[in-house]
Protein backbone atom coordinates (compact mmCIF):
# COMPACT_ATOMS: atom_id res chain seq x y z
CA MET A 1 14.13 -39.60 66.27
CA GLU A 2 11.43 -38.40 64.00
CA LEU A 3 11.88 -38.47 60.31
CA MET A 4 10.56 -35.61 58.39
CA VAL A 5 8.48 -36.74 55.54
CA ARG A 6 8.72 -34.54 52.52
CA LYS A 7 5.86 -34.40 50.13
CA LYS A 8 6.81 -34.50 46.53
CA ARG A 9 5.52 -31.59 44.56
CA ARG A 10 4.45 -32.38 41.10
CA PRO A 11 4.89 -29.70 38.46
CA MET A 12 1.71 -27.96 37.49
CA SER A 13 0.68 -29.12 34.04
CA GLU A 14 -2.04 -26.58 33.42
CA ILE A 15 -1.56 -23.22 31.75
CA ASN A 16 -3.76 -20.32 32.62
CA VAL A 17 -4.89 -18.96 29.23
CA VAL A 18 -7.18 -16.22 30.50
CA PRO A 19 -4.51 -13.46 30.26
CA TYR A 20 -3.72 -14.52 26.68
CA ILE A 21 -7.38 -14.32 25.73
CA ASP A 22 -7.61 -10.83 27.26
CA VAL A 23 -4.62 -9.63 25.26
CA MET A 24 -6.00 -11.18 22.06
CA LEU A 25 -9.35 -9.45 22.49
CA VAL A 26 -7.71 -6.08 23.14
CA LEU A 27 -5.59 -6.48 19.99
CA LEU A 28 -8.66 -7.48 17.99
CA ILE A 29 -10.50 -4.34 19.09
CA VAL A 30 -7.48 -2.12 18.34
CA PHE A 31 -7.14 -3.53 14.82
CA MET A 32 -10.88 -3.28 14.16
CA VAL A 33 -10.84 0.39 15.14
CA THR A 34 -7.67 1.39 13.26
CA ALA A 35 -8.21 -0.59 10.02
CA PRO A 36 -10.89 1.72 8.56
CA LEU A 37 -8.77 4.77 9.41
CA LEU A 38 -5.88 3.66 7.21
CA ASN A 39 -6.45 5.18 3.80
CA GLN A 40 -3.83 3.67 1.51
CA GLY A 41 -4.47 5.29 -1.86
CA ILE A 42 -5.25 8.63 -3.39
CA GLU A 43 -8.94 9.30 -3.98
CA VAL A 44 -9.30 9.02 -7.77
CA ASP A 45 -12.20 7.96 -9.98
CA LEU A 46 -10.54 5.23 -12.05
CA PRO A 47 -11.56 4.77 -15.69
CA GLU A 48 -13.29 1.55 -16.66
CA ALA A 49 -11.68 -0.87 -19.11
CA ASN A 50 -12.51 -4.33 -20.40
CA ASN A 51 -9.06 -5.83 -19.87
CA GLU A 52 -7.72 -8.96 -18.27
CA PRO A 53 -6.37 -8.46 -14.73
CA LEU A 54 -2.68 -7.63 -14.68
CA GLN A 55 -0.41 -10.31 -13.29
CA VAL A 56 1.47 -8.39 -10.60
CA ASP A 57 4.44 -10.05 -8.94
CA GLU A 58 3.75 -9.77 -5.20
CA ASN A 59 7.45 -10.20 -4.39
CA LEU A 60 8.52 -7.09 -6.30
CA GLU A 61 8.09 -3.58 -4.94
CA THR A 62 5.45 -1.38 -6.52
CA LEU A 63 5.50 2.38 -7.03
CA VAL A 64 2.14 4.03 -7.72
CA VAL A 65 2.08 7.44 -9.41
CA SER A 66 -1.32 9.13 -9.15
CA ILE A 67 -2.84 12.11 -10.94
CA THR A 68 -6.07 13.64 -9.65
CA SER A 69 -8.79 15.49 -11.52
CA ASN A 70 -7.19 18.77 -10.34
CA GLY A 71 -3.91 17.85 -12.03
CA GLU A 72 -2.09 17.14 -8.75
CA TYR A 73 0.59 14.43 -8.74
CA PHE A 74 1.17 11.98 -5.88
CA LEU A 75 3.79 9.29 -5.28
CA SER A 76 3.23 6.32 -2.99
CA ILE A 77 6.46 6.50 -0.97
CA GLY A 78 5.20 5.49 2.44
CA ALA A 79 3.09 8.52 3.39
CA THR A 80 -0.54 7.68 4.15
CA GLY A 81 -3.69 9.60 4.99
CA ASP A 82 -3.31 13.32 5.59
CA GLU A 83 0.51 13.13 5.42
CA ARG A 84 0.38 12.84 1.63
CA GLN A 85 1.22 15.99 -0.24
CA SER A 86 1.05 16.70 -3.93
CA VAL A 87 4.34 17.09 -5.76
CA THR A 88 5.31 18.91 -8.92
CA LEU A 89 5.94 17.14 -12.20
CA GLU A 90 9.67 17.85 -11.91
CA THR A 91 9.73 16.24 -8.46
CA VAL A 92 7.93 13.19 -9.88
CA GLY A 93 10.62 12.87 -12.55
CA LEU A 94 13.49 13.23 -10.07
CA GLN A 95 12.03 10.89 -7.44
CA VAL A 96 11.05 8.19 -9.95
CA SER A 97 14.47 8.43 -11.61
CA ARG A 98 16.18 7.89 -8.25
CA ILE A 99 13.87 5.03 -7.30
CA VAL A 100 14.26 3.25 -10.64
CA SER A 101 18.05 3.64 -10.61
CA ALA A 102 18.17 2.21 -7.05
CA ASN A 103 15.72 -0.60 -7.83
CA PRO A 104 15.47 -1.38 -11.57
CA SER A 105 13.01 -4.25 -11.01
CA ILE A 106 10.36 -2.02 -9.38
CA GLN A 107 6.89 -2.14 -10.91
CA VAL A 108 5.54 1.32 -11.75
CA MET A 109 1.76 1.72 -11.82
CA LEU A 110 -0.05 4.80 -13.13
CA GLU A 111 -3.36 5.75 -11.54
CA GLY A 112 -5.32 8.56 -13.17
CA ASP A 113 -8.70 10.09 -12.50
CA THR A 114 -11.23 9.91 -15.35
CA GLU A 115 -11.61 13.70 -15.12
CA ALA A 116 -7.84 14.31 -15.32
CA ASN A 117 -6.58 16.47 -18.16
CA TRP A 118 -5.44 14.30 -21.07
CA GLY A 119 -2.48 16.59 -21.76
CA ALA A 120 -1.32 16.31 -18.13
CA MET A 121 -1.56 12.50 -18.40
CA ILE A 122 0.59 12.44 -21.57
CA THR A 123 3.11 14.79 -19.94
CA LEU A 124 3.26 12.48 -16.91
CA ILE A 125 3.84 9.42 -19.11
CA THR A 126 6.60 11.24 -20.98
CA THR A 127 8.21 12.29 -17.68
CA LEU A 128 8.09 8.69 -16.44
CA GLN A 129 9.72 7.45 -19.66
CA GLN A 130 12.49 10.05 -19.31
CA ALA A 131 12.98 8.88 -15.71
CA GLY A 132 13.69 5.35 -16.94
CA VAL A 133 10.28 3.69 -16.74
CA SER A 134 9.89 1.78 -19.98
CA ASN A 135 6.34 0.48 -19.53
CA PRO A 136 4.16 1.90 -16.75
CA ASN A 137 1.05 -0.17 -16.07
CA PHE A 138 -2.30 1.59 -15.85
CA ILE A 139 -4.66 0.93 -12.96
CA THR A 140 -8.30 0.73 -14.09
CA GLN A 141 -11.47 -0.77 -12.74
CA PRO A 142 -13.53 -3.45 -14.52
CA LEU A 143 -16.52 -2.42 -16.62
CA SER A 144 -19.66 -2.15 -14.52
CA SER A 145 -22.43 -4.41 -15.77
CA LEU A 146 -25.68 -2.64 -16.60
């Protein structure tokens, strides 16, 4: 009677990492191509100011209200790129009022073009105060050294 000898199979202790490297390289290329296409803010020429940088709490949500040189108002509520549409001053007041009442700890930032009408800027600040924003912070750029 013959005995069948069974060979013991040892588990394979090597991992084939080639497919993981391929996936990583594809993701790297996708992110490198799409990153420049994401335009987060409104195109405004910020005024220069010699101020200390504002300490912004990264954990709190931030709402940016923008005014362009044409007097158009924009809110940063998730729309990016070409999806952004200008809103009226009344809409700014209503939207900001709703946002502040839903989230009182939200940080409101005001971003204005240097060529924006001063009267429109004051009207915007007054509208924000009526909507419940006690102290909007202004976004500026540092003074350029000559």
